[in-house]
Amino acid sequence: MKLNPKEILRPAISLFVICLAVTALLAGTNLLTRDQIEQQSLLAEQNARIAVCPDGKTFEPGDDEGSYYVAKDGDSVVGYIFTTEASGYGGKLKVMTGISSDGTITGISFLSIDETPGLGMNAQKDSYKDQYKQPVLENGFTLVKGEAAEGEISAMTGATITSTAVTDAVNAAIEQYNTIKEGA
């Protein structure tokens, strides 16, 4: 069987042109929506700050890097908000943790989570997140299987890696909080 170069080049060139056109359209769409995506991300972070520290009326960056926020009600500090990351089963988890000025966790919120539906994604349920609403311990929380006591978090069944990641992220926020309180 003899190969004809035209039979090979014509479909290859057609496929190349189609791929080039689709790539250009995707790049154009990305350029057009980049600012809107960034605005939505900032709005989501602002809403998460309100959710994890509901007593705060204003939120100011705590340092030049913006590594944490200080929640205020007028001139008084009512809490601190930390954004931390940990590796879960589906990749990086980005968790925002609110800690009141008296040292109690006021809430956690997920800025990014891509875990297994029905298992790791259950970390977004209030019944799981509310476990963290307790006084901050110097060494952070311990993850346990089964019933949890004070200072412990009950792991989700079938999602121990996700439970560990969330607890690690919250413990990193507690570590930052302890550093700030020692410096005050």
C-alpha atoms as a PDB file:
ATOM      1  CA  MET A   1       0.000   0.000   0.000  1.00  0.00           C
ATOM      2  CA  LYS A   2       1.377   3.320  -1.067  1.00  0.00           C
ATOM      3  CA  LEU A   3       0.919   6.361   1.209  1.00  0.00           C
ATOM      4  CA  ASN A   4      -0.151   9.588  -0.396  1.00  0.00           C
ATOM      5  CA  PRO A   5       1.289  12.657   1.395  1.00  0.00           C
ATOM      6  CA  LYS A   6      -1.860  14.678   0.641  1.00  0.00           C
ATOM      7  CA  GLU A   7      -4.006  12.132   2.488  1.00  0.00           C
ATOM      8  CA  ILE A   8      -1.859  12.563   5.584  1.00  0.00           C
ATOM      9  CA  LEU A   9      -1.143  16.310   5.471  1.00  0.00           C
ATOM     10  CA  ARG A  10      -4.675  17.555   4.739  1.00  0.00           C
ATOM     11  CA  PRO A  11      -6.289  16.085   7.917  1.00  0.00           C
ATOM     12  CA  ALA A  12      -3.222  16.933  10.029  1.00  0.00           C
ATOM     13  CA  ILE A  13      -3.270  20.574   8.932  1.00  0.00           C
ATOM     14  CA  SER A  14      -7.057  20.747   9.434  1.00  0.00           C
ATOM     15  CA  LEU A  15      -6.728  19.361  12.951  1.00  0.00           C
ATOM     16  CA  PHE A  16      -3.891  21.797  13.726  1.00  0.00           C
ATOM     17  CA  VAL A  17      -5.978  24.790  12.550  1.00  0.00           C
ATOM     18  CA  ILE A  18      -8.993  23.664  14.608  1.00  0.00           C
ATOM     19  CA  CYS A  19      -6.830  23.219  17.731  1.00  0.00           C
ATOM     20  CA  LEU A  20      -5.220  26.613  17.183  1.00  0.00           C
ATOM     21  CA  ALA A  21      -8.632  28.305  16.832  1.00  0.00           C
ATOM     22  CA  VAL A  22     -10.020  26.628  19.974  1.00  0.00           C
ATOM     23  CA  THR A  23      -6.900  27.554  21.955  1.00  0.00           C
ATOM     24  CA  ALA A  24      -7.187  31.190  20.819  1.00  0.00           C
ATOM     25  CA  LEU A  25     -10.874  31.279  21.839  1.00  0.00           C
ATOM     26  CA  LEU A  26     -10.110  29.824  25.286  1.00  0.00           C
ATOM     27  CA  ALA A  27      -7.273  32.294  25.814  1.00  0.00           C
ATOM     28  CA  GLY A  28      -9.547  35.168  24.798  1.00  0.00           C
ATOM     29  CA  THR A  29     -12.280  34.018  27.157  1.00  0.00           C
ATOM     30  CA  ASN A  30      -9.756  33.775  29.979  1.00  0.00           C
ATOM     31  CA  LEU A  31      -8.552  37.326  29.327  1.00  0.00           C
ATOM     32  CA  LEU A  32     -12.109  38.672  29.261  1.00  0.00           C
ATOM     33  CA  THR A  33     -13.176  36.978  32.507  1.00  0.00           C
ATOM     34  CA  ARG A  34      -9.979  37.240  34.568  1.00  0.00           C
ATOM     35  CA  ASP A  35     -11.029  40.417  36.409  1.00  0.00           C
ATOM     36  CA  GLN A  36     -14.507  39.064  37.156  1.00  0.00           C
ATOM     37  CA  ILE A  37     -13.069  35.819  38.499  1.00  0.00           C
ATOM     38  CA  GLU A  38     -10.694  37.771  40.752  1.00  0.00           C
ATOM     39  CA  GLN A  39     -13.565  39.958  42.013  1.00  0.00           C
ATOM     40  CA  GLN A  40     -15.643  36.861  42.804  1.00  0.00           C
ATOM     41  CA  SER A  41     -12.694  35.361  44.674  1.00  0.00           C
ATOM     42  CA  LEU A  42     -12.239  38.521  46.764  1.00  0.00           C
ATOM     43  CA  LEU A  43     -15.977  38.642  47.476  1.00  0.00           C
ATOM     44  CA  ALA A  44     -15.923  34.978  48.564  1.00  0.00           C
ATOM     45  CA  GLU A  45     -13.021  35.711  50.940  1.00  0.00           C
ATOM     46  CA  GLN A  46     -14.847  38.735  52.374  1.00  0.00           C
ATOM     47  CA  ASN A  47     -18.004  36.679  52.947  1.00  0.00           C
ATOM     48  CA  ALA A  48     -15.927  33.916  54.549  1.00  0.00           C
ATOM     49  CA  ARG A  49     -14.354  36.456  56.955  1.00  0.00           C
ATOM     50  CA  ILE A  50     -17.832  37.553  58.024  1.00  0.00           C
ATOM     51  CA  ALA A  51     -18.914  33.919  58.450  1.00  0.00           C
ATOM     52  CA  VAL A  52     -15.929  32.846  60.587  1.00  0.00           C
ATOM     53  CA  CYS A  53     -15.900  35.969  62.752  1.00  0.00           C
ATOM     54  CA  PRO A  54     -19.486  37.249  62.914  1.00  0.00           C
ATOM     55  CA  ASP A  55     -18.727  39.784  65.682  1.00  0.00           C
ATOM     56  CA  GLY A  56     -16.304  41.651  63.419  1.00  0.00           C
ATOM     57  CA  LYS A  57     -17.642  44.741  61.695  1.00  0.00           C
ATOM     58  CA  THR A  58     -14.397  45.655  59.917  1.00  0.00           C
ATOM     59  CA  PHE A  59     -11.472  43.510  58.850  1.00  0.00           C
ATOM     60  CA  GLU A  60      -7.979  44.942  58.553  1.00  0.00           C
ATOM     61  CA  PRO A  61      -4.808  43.165  57.416  1.00  0.00           C
ATOM     62  CA  GLY A  62      -2.770  42.236  60.487  1.00  0.00           C
ATOM     63  CA  ASP A  63       0.588  42.600  58.746  1.00  0.00           C
ATOM     64  CA  ASP A  64       2.135  43.869  55.535  1.00  0.00           C
ATOM     65  CA  GLU A  65       1.908  40.444  53.864  1.00  0.00           C
ATOM     66  CA  GLY A  66      -1.820  40.094  54.634  1.00  0.00           C
ATOM     67  CA  SER A  67      -1.168  36.700  56.217  1.00  0.00           C
ATOM     68  CA  TYR A  68      -3.989  37.290  58.704  1.00  0.00           C
ATOM     69  CA  TYR A  69      -6.771  39.771  59.383  1.00  0.00           C
ATOM     70  CA  VAL A  70      -7.814  41.542  62.560  1.00  0.00           C
ATOM     71  CA  ALA A  71     -11.573  41.693  63.119  1.00  0.00           C
ATOM     72  CA  LYS A  72     -12.746  44.825  64.893  1.00  0.00           C
ATOM     73  CA  ASP A  73     -15.951  46.241  66.254  1.00  0.00           C
ATOM     74  CA  GLY A  74     -15.220  49.937  66.360  1.00  0.00           C
ATOM     75  CA  ASP A  75     -11.789  50.294  67.940  1.00  0.00           C
ATOM     76  CA  SER A  76     -11.849  47.037  69.900  1.00  0.00           C
ATOM     77  CA  VAL A  77     -10.326  43.846  68.521  1.00  0.00           C
ATOM     78  CA  VAL A  78     -12.874  41.029  68.562  1.00  0.00           C
ATOM     79  CA  GLY A  79     -10.855  38.376  66.764  1.00  0.00           C
ATOM     80  CA  TYR A  80      -8.328  37.224  64.211  1.00  0.00           C
ATOM     81  CA  ILE A  81      -8.792  35.463  60.897  1.00  0.00           C
ATOM     82  CA  PHE A  82      -6.179  33.153  59.408  1.00  0.00           C
ATOM     83  CA  THR A  83      -6.066  31.468  56.016  1.00  0.00           C
ATOM     84  CA  THR A  84      -4.068  28.251  55.995  1.00  0.00           C
ATOM     85  CA  GLU A  85      -3.542  25.312  53.658  1.00  0.00           C
ATOM     86  CA  ALA A  86      -3.054  21.584  54.073  1.00  0.00           C
ATOM     87  CA  SER A  87      -2.873  18.633  51.709  1.00  0.00           C
ATOM     88  CA  GLY A  88      -6.037  16.569  51.517  1.00  0.00           C
ATOM     89  CA  TYR A  89      -7.028  13.563  49.447  1.00  0.00           C
ATOM     90  CA  GLY A  90      -8.062  15.712  46.463  1.00  0.00           C
ATOM     91  CA  GLY A  91      -5.237  18.248  46.683  1.00  0.00           C
ATOM     92  CA  LYS A  92      -4.737  21.423  48.682  1.00  0.00           C
ATOM     93  CA  LEU A  93      -7.417  22.531  51.123  1.00  0.00           C
ATOM     94  CA  LYS A  94      -7.574  26.245  51.836  1.00  0.00           C
ATOM     95  CA  VAL A  95      -9.250  26.905  55.184  1.00  0.00           C
ATOM     96  CA  MET A  96     -10.142  30.224  56.794  1.00  0.00           C
ATOM     97  CA  THR A  97     -10.271  30.075  60.591  1.00  0.00           C
ATOM     98  CA  GLY A  98     -11.718  32.715  62.890  1.00  0.00           C
ATOM     99  CA  ILE A  99     -10.428  32.959  66.467  1.00  0.00           C
ATOM    100  CA  SER A 100     -11.930  35.395  68.961  1.00  0.00           C
ATOM    101  CA  SER A 101      -9.704  37.673  70.993  1.00  0.00           C
ATOM    102  CA  ASP A 102     -10.419  35.545  74.083  1.00  0.00           C
ATOM    103  CA  GLY A 103      -9.067  32.428  72.340  1.00  0.00           C
ATOM    104  CA  THR A 104     -12.134  30.544  71.090  1.00  0.00           C
ATOM    105  CA  ILE A 105     -12.553  29.392  67.511  1.00  0.00           C
ATOM    106  CA  THR A 106     -15.596  31.186  66.118  1.00  0.00           C
ATOM    107  CA  GLY A 107     -15.781  29.231  62.873  1.00  0.00           C
ATOM    108  CA  ILE A 108     -14.042  27.761  59.871  1.00  0.00           C
ATOM    109  CA  SER A 109     -14.796  28.153  56.176  1.00  0.00           C
ATOM    110  CA  PHE A 110     -13.352  26.502  53.080  1.00  0.00           C
ATOM    111  CA  LEU A 111     -11.953  28.755  50.373  1.00  0.00           C
ATOM    112  CA  SER A 112     -11.012  25.756  48.252  1.00  0.00           C
ATOM    113  CA  ILE A 113     -11.793  22.081  48.665  1.00  0.00           C
ATOM    114  CA  ASP A 114     -11.787  19.318  46.063  1.00  0.00           C
ATOM    115  CA  GLU A 115     -12.350  16.132  47.994  1.00  0.00           C
ATOM    116  CA  THR A 116     -14.335  12.984  47.233  1.00  0.00           C
ATOM    117  CA  PRO A 117     -18.081  13.705  46.958  1.00  0.00           C
ATOM    118  CA  GLY A 118     -20.052  12.020  49.720  1.00  0.00           C
ATOM    119  CA  LEU A 119     -16.952  11.472  51.842  1.00  0.00           C
ATOM    120  CA  GLY A 120     -14.371  14.254  52.098  1.00  0.00           C
ATOM    121  CA  MET A 121     -16.797  16.909  50.891  1.00  0.00           C
ATOM    122  CA  ASN A 122     -18.797  16.243  54.077  1.00  0.00           C
ATOM    123  CA  ALA A 123     -16.216  18.456  55.770  1.00  0.00           C
ATOM    124  CA  GLN A 124     -18.271  21.389  54.489  1.00  0.00           C
ATOM    125  CA  LYS A 125     -21.259  20.371  56.591  1.00  0.00           C
ATOM    126  CA  ASP A 126     -21.929  22.460  59.675  1.00  0.00           C
ATOM    127  CA  SER A 127     -22.103  19.323  61.821  1.00  0.00           C
ATOM    128  CA  TYR A 128     -18.410  18.707  61.085  1.00  0.00           C
ATOM    129  CA  LYS A 129     -17.188  22.313  61.075  1.00  0.00           C
ATOM    130  CA  ASP A 130     -18.910  23.109  64.386  1.00  0.00           C
ATOM    131  CA  GLN A 131     -16.639  20.616  66.183  1.00  0.00           C
ATOM    132  CA  TYR A 132     -13.864  23.192  65.925  1.00  0.00           C
ATOM    133  CA  LYS A 133     -15.849  25.846  67.810  1.00  0.00           C
ATOM    134  CA  GLN A 134     -14.121  25.415  71.131  1.00  0.00           C
ATOM    135  CA  PRO A 135     -11.344  27.079  73.108  1.00  0.00           C
ATOM    136  CA  VAL A 136      -7.935  27.105  71.456  1.00  0.00           C
ATOM    137  CA  LEU A 137      -5.428  24.690  72.927  1.00  0.00           C
ATOM    138  CA  GLU A 138      -1.742  25.513  72.971  1.00  0.00           C
ATOM    139  CA  ASN A 139      -0.833  22.455  70.895  1.00  0.00           C
ATOM    140  CA  GLY A 140      -3.960  22.467  68.718  1.00  0.00           C
ATOM    141  CA  PHE A 141      -6.573  19.774  68.228  1.00  0.00           C
ATOM    142  CA  THR A 142      -6.121  16.018  68.144  1.00  0.00           C
ATOM    143  CA  LEU A 143      -8.003  13.931  65.593  1.00  0.00           C
ATOM    144  CA  VAL A 144      -9.723  10.828  66.984  1.00  0.00           C
ATOM    145  CA  LYS A 145     -11.917   8.080  65.583  1.00  0.00           C
ATOM    146  CA  GLY A 146     -15.203   7.853  67.447  1.00  0.00           C
ATOM    147  CA  GLU A 147     -16.502  10.203  70.112  1.00  0.00           C
ATOM    148  CA  ALA A 148     -14.437  13.317  70.720  1.00  0.00           C
ATOM    149  CA  ALA A 149     -13.790  15.013  74.040  1.00  0.00           C
ATOM    150  CA  GLU A 150     -12.745  18.630  74.552  1.00  0.00           C
ATOM    151  CA  GLY A 151      -9.691  19.420  72.446  1.00  0.00           C
ATOM    152  CA  GLU A 152     -10.421  16.542  70.099  1.00  0.00           C
ATOM    153  CA  ILE A 153     -12.047  16.361  66.682  1.00  0.00           C
ATOM    154  CA  SER A 154     -13.995  13.297  65.557  1.00  0.00           C
ATOM    155  CA  ALA A 155     -12.735  12.143  62.143  1.00  0.00           C
ATOM    156  CA  MET A 156     -15.235  11.648  59.332  1.00  0.00           C
ATOM    157  CA  THR A 157     -15.842   7.987  58.544  1.00  0.00           C
ATOM    158  CA  GLY A 158     -14.138   7.086  55.258  1.00  0.00           C
ATOM    159  CA  ALA A 159     -12.425  10.465  55.000  1.00  0.00           C
ATOM    160  CA  THR A 160      -9.589  10.352  57.510  1.00  0.00           C
ATOM    161  CA  ILE A 161      -7.162  12.068  55.111  1.00  0.00           C
ATOM    162  CA  THR A 162      -9.548  14.997  54.663  1.00  0.00           C
ATOM    163  CA  SER A 163     -10.223  15.158  58.417  1.00  0.00           C
ATOM    164  CA  THR A 164      -6.486  15.222  59.058  1.00  0.00           C
ATOM    165  CA  ALA A 165      -5.956  17.970  56.471  1.00  0.00           C
ATOM    166  CA  VAL A 166      -8.692  20.194  57.926  1.00  0.00           C
ATOM    167  CA  THR A 167      -7.355  19.681  61.451  1.00  0.00           C
ATOM    168  CA  ASP A 168      -3.805  20.427  60.283  1.00  0.00           C
ATOM    169  CA  ALA A 169      -4.992  23.670  58.640  1.00  0.00           C
ATOM    170  CA  VAL A 170      -6.867  24.747  61.778  1.00  0.00           C
ATOM    171  CA  ASN A 171      -3.862  23.822  63.950  1.00  0.00           C
ATOM    172  CA  ALA A 172      -1.655  25.981  61.700  1.00  0.00           C
ATOM    173  CA  ALA A 173      -4.063  28.879  62.331  1.00  0.00           C
ATOM    174  CA  ILE A 174      -3.855  28.200  66.078  1.00  0.00           C
ATOM    175  CA  GLU A 175      -0.064  28.276  65.863  1.00  0.00           C
ATOM    176  CA  GLN A 176      -0.203  31.684  64.125  1.00  0.00           C
ATOM    177  CA  TYR A 177      -2.691  32.918  66.727  1.00  0.00           C
ATOM    178  CA  ASN A 178      -0.413  31.816  69.593  1.00  0.00           C
ATOM    179  CA  THR A 179       2.508  33.627  67.951  1.00  0.00           C
ATOM    180  CA  ILE A 180       0.486  36.836  67.664  1.00  0.00           C
ATOM    181  CA  LYS A 181      -0.784  36.627  71.251  1.00  0.00           C
ATOM    182  CA  GLU A 182       2.757  36.078  72.562  1.00  0.00           C
ATOM    183  CA  GLY A 183       3.971  39.149  70.669  1.00  0.00           C
ATOM    184  CA  ALA A 184       1.144  41.354  71.996  1.00  0.00           C
END
